[in-house]
Amino acid sequence: MGRDTFNSWQLWAILSAIFAALTAIFAKVGVEGINSDLATLIRTVIVLITLSMILFATGQFSHPGPVSAKSWLFLLLSGLGTGASWLCYFRALKLGPATLVAPIDKLSVVLVALFGVAFLGERPSWNGWLGIALIAAGAVLIAIKA
């Protein structure tokens, strides 16, 4: 793996998918026997500590640079969205099987595409739209009880 590999968005997206899959399995086991909101808090604290350690270890806290008001606003909104998503996700995992919860949660992929078109002016290709439709159909098929 060359240096360019670590600058590949595709690599990081695949790693994200792997870690998200592991997160679902670990969370399903971890939420057993405790309140799902408490489980979410524990997870959030662990994420905060881990990211803080990474930023300190790499020196990224020493010279963070300026952060605009727009960035603060949208990062705040993103954080609130993440928190709400995690609370709902953990509650769903507490109540249902991971094999059904995770695919429905991944409808977020479809929603990101729709929101990207509506709010960011992005234009997926025909292949992109086909993939988005297949993701939506797959999530629905998995969730339907046979």
Protein backbone atom coordinates (compact mmCIF):
# COMPACT_ATOMS: atom_id res chain seq x y z
CA MET A 1 0.00 0.00 0.00
CA GLY A 2 1.43 3.31 -1.07
CA ARG A 3 0.95 6.72 0.46
CA ASP A 4 -1.87 7.46 -2.01
CA THR A 5 -3.83 4.53 -0.61
CA PHE A 6 -4.31 6.40 2.67
CA ASN A 7 -5.64 9.41 0.75
CA SER A 8 -8.26 7.30 -1.05
CA TRP A 9 -11.84 8.09 -0.10
CA GLN A 10 -12.76 4.58 -1.22
CA LEU A 11 -10.46 2.96 1.34
CA TRP A 12 -11.87 5.09 4.15
CA ALA A 13 -15.45 4.39 3.01
CA ILE A 14 -14.80 0.62 3.06
CA LEU A 15 -13.20 0.87 6.50
CA SER A 16 -16.19 2.90 7.65
CA ALA A 17 -18.54 0.16 6.45
CA ILE A 18 -16.49 -2.54 8.21
CA PHE A 19 -16.41 -0.60 11.48
CA ALA A 20 -20.13 0.24 11.20
CA ALA A 21 -20.90 -3.46 10.77
CA LEU A 22 -18.79 -4.35 13.79
CA THR A 23 -20.45 -1.52 15.72
CA ALA A 24 -23.89 -3.03 15.11
CA ILE A 25 -22.80 -6.47 16.35
CA PHE A 26 -20.91 -5.13 19.37
CA ALA A 27 -23.75 -2.74 20.25
CA LYS A 28 -26.38 -5.46 20.05
CA VAL A 29 -24.47 -7.53 22.61
CA GLY A 30 -23.52 -4.48 24.69
CA VAL A 31 -27.06 -3.12 25.00
CA GLU A 32 -28.38 -6.35 26.53
CA GLY A 33 -29.39 -5.85 30.13
CA ILE A 34 -28.96 -2.06 30.24
CA ASN A 35 -30.95 0.97 29.20
CA SER A 36 -30.32 1.83 25.55
CA ASP A 37 -29.84 5.54 26.34
CA LEU A 38 -27.19 4.68 28.93
CA ALA A 39 -25.50 2.44 26.36
CA THR A 40 -25.48 5.37 23.93
CA LEU A 41 -23.90 7.64 26.56
CA ILE A 42 -21.19 5.07 27.31
CA ARG A 43 -20.46 4.71 23.59
CA THR A 44 -20.34 8.49 23.15
CA VAL A 45 -17.88 8.96 26.03
CA ILE A 46 -15.64 6.25 24.56
CA VAL A 47 -15.74 7.94 21.14
CA LEU A 48 -14.91 11.32 22.74
CA ILE A 49 -11.97 9.92 24.70
CA THR A 50 -10.63 7.96 21.72
CA LEU A 51 -10.81 10.91 19.32
CA SER A 52 -9.22 13.19 21.92
CA MET A 53 -6.32 10.77 22.32
CA ILE A 54 -5.86 10.57 18.53
CA LEU A 55 -5.86 14.38 18.20
CA PHE A 56 -3.37 14.77 21.05
CA ALA A 57 -1.11 11.98 19.76
CA THR A 58 -0.99 13.44 16.25
CA GLY A 59 -0.53 17.04 17.42
CA GLN A 60 -3.75 18.20 15.80
CA PHE A 61 -4.90 19.92 19.00
CA SER A 62 -1.84 22.16 19.15
CA HIS A 63 -2.67 24.14 15.98
CA PRO A 64 -6.32 23.55 15.14
CA GLY A 65 -6.68 26.70 13.03
CA PRO A 66 -9.72 28.94 12.89
CA VAL A 67 -13.24 27.48 12.77
CA SER A 68 -15.85 29.67 11.08
CA ALA A 69 -19.30 30.34 12.54
CA LYS A 70 -20.82 28.41 9.63
CA SER A 71 -18.65 25.38 10.43
CA TRP A 72 -19.62 25.59 14.11
CA LEU A 73 -23.32 25.75 13.22
CA PHE A 74 -23.28 22.82 10.82
CA LEU A 75 -21.02 20.72 13.05
CA LEU A 76 -23.43 21.43 15.92
CA LEU A 77 -26.36 20.32 13.76
CA SER A 78 -24.40 17.26 12.62
CA GLY A 79 -23.58 16.39 16.23
CA LEU A 80 -27.23 16.70 17.23
CA GLY A 81 -28.19 14.49 14.28
CA THR A 82 -25.55 11.94 15.24
CA GLY A 83 -26.77 11.89 18.83
CA ALA A 84 -30.39 11.44 17.77
CA SER A 85 -29.38 8.72 15.30
CA TRP A 86 -27.39 6.84 17.92
CA LEU A 87 -30.21 7.06 20.48
CA CYS A 88 -32.69 5.69 17.95
CA TYR A 89 -30.26 3.04 16.71
CA PHE A 90 -29.49 1.71 20.18
CA ARG A 91 -33.19 1.68 21.07
CA ALA A 92 -33.92 -0.26 17.87
CA LEU A 93 -31.10 -2.72 18.64
CA LYS A 94 -32.47 -3.19 22.14
CA LEU A 95 -35.90 -4.06 20.72
CA GLY A 96 -35.06 -5.89 17.49
CA PRO A 97 -32.51 -8.13 15.78
CA ALA A 98 -29.35 -6.54 14.40
CA THR A 99 -29.97 -8.32 11.08
CA LEU A 100 -33.12 -6.23 10.62
CA VAL A 101 -32.16 -3.01 12.40
CA ALA A 102 -28.90 -2.40 10.50
CA PRO A 103 -30.35 -2.69 6.97
CA ILE A 104 -33.19 -0.31 7.81
CA ASP A 105 -30.66 2.06 9.36
CA LYS A 106 -28.76 1.95 6.06
CA LEU A 107 -31.73 3.59 4.37
CA SER A 108 -29.73 6.63 5.45
CA VAL A 109 -27.73 6.00 2.26
CA VAL A 110 -30.88 6.56 0.22
CA LEU A 111 -31.79 9.64 2.25
CA VAL A 112 -28.28 11.09 1.85
CA ALA A 113 -28.65 10.75 -1.91
CA LEU A 114 -32.04 12.46 -1.88
CA PHE A 115 -30.88 15.22 0.48
CA GLY A 116 -27.68 15.64 -1.56
CA VAL A 117 -29.79 16.28 -4.65
CA ALA A 118 -32.25 18.55 -2.86
CA PHE A 119 -29.84 20.61 -0.74
CA LEU A 120 -26.36 20.27 -2.23
CA GLY A 121 -27.17 20.21 -5.92
CA GLU A 122 -25.50 16.83 -6.41
CA ARG A 123 -26.55 14.78 -9.43
CA PRO A 124 -26.05 11.00 -9.26
CA SER A 125 -25.59 9.18 -12.56
CA TRP A 126 -28.16 6.68 -13.83
CA ASN A 127 -26.01 3.91 -12.36
CA GLY A 128 -25.98 5.86 -9.10
CA TRP A 129 -29.77 6.10 -9.06
CA LEU A 130 -30.04 2.38 -9.85
CA GLY A 131 -27.75 1.59 -6.93
CA ILE A 132 -29.73 3.88 -4.63
CA ALA A 133 -32.98 2.18 -5.69
CA LEU A 134 -31.44 -1.26 -5.12
CA ILE A 135 -30.26 -0.25 -1.63
CA ALA A 136 -33.78 0.95 -0.81
CA ALA A 137 -35.35 -2.21 -2.24
CA GLY A 138 -32.86 -4.42 -0.40
CA ALA A 139 -33.53 -2.75 2.94
CA VAL A 140 -37.28 -3.15 2.44
CA LEU A 141 -36.94 -6.80 1.40
CA ILE A 142 -34.80 -7.61 4.42
CA ALA A 143 -37.22 -5.89 6.78
CA ILE A 144 -40.35 -7.61 5.43
CA LYS A 145 -41.22 -10.65 7.48
CA ALA A 146 -41.63 -13.69 5.24
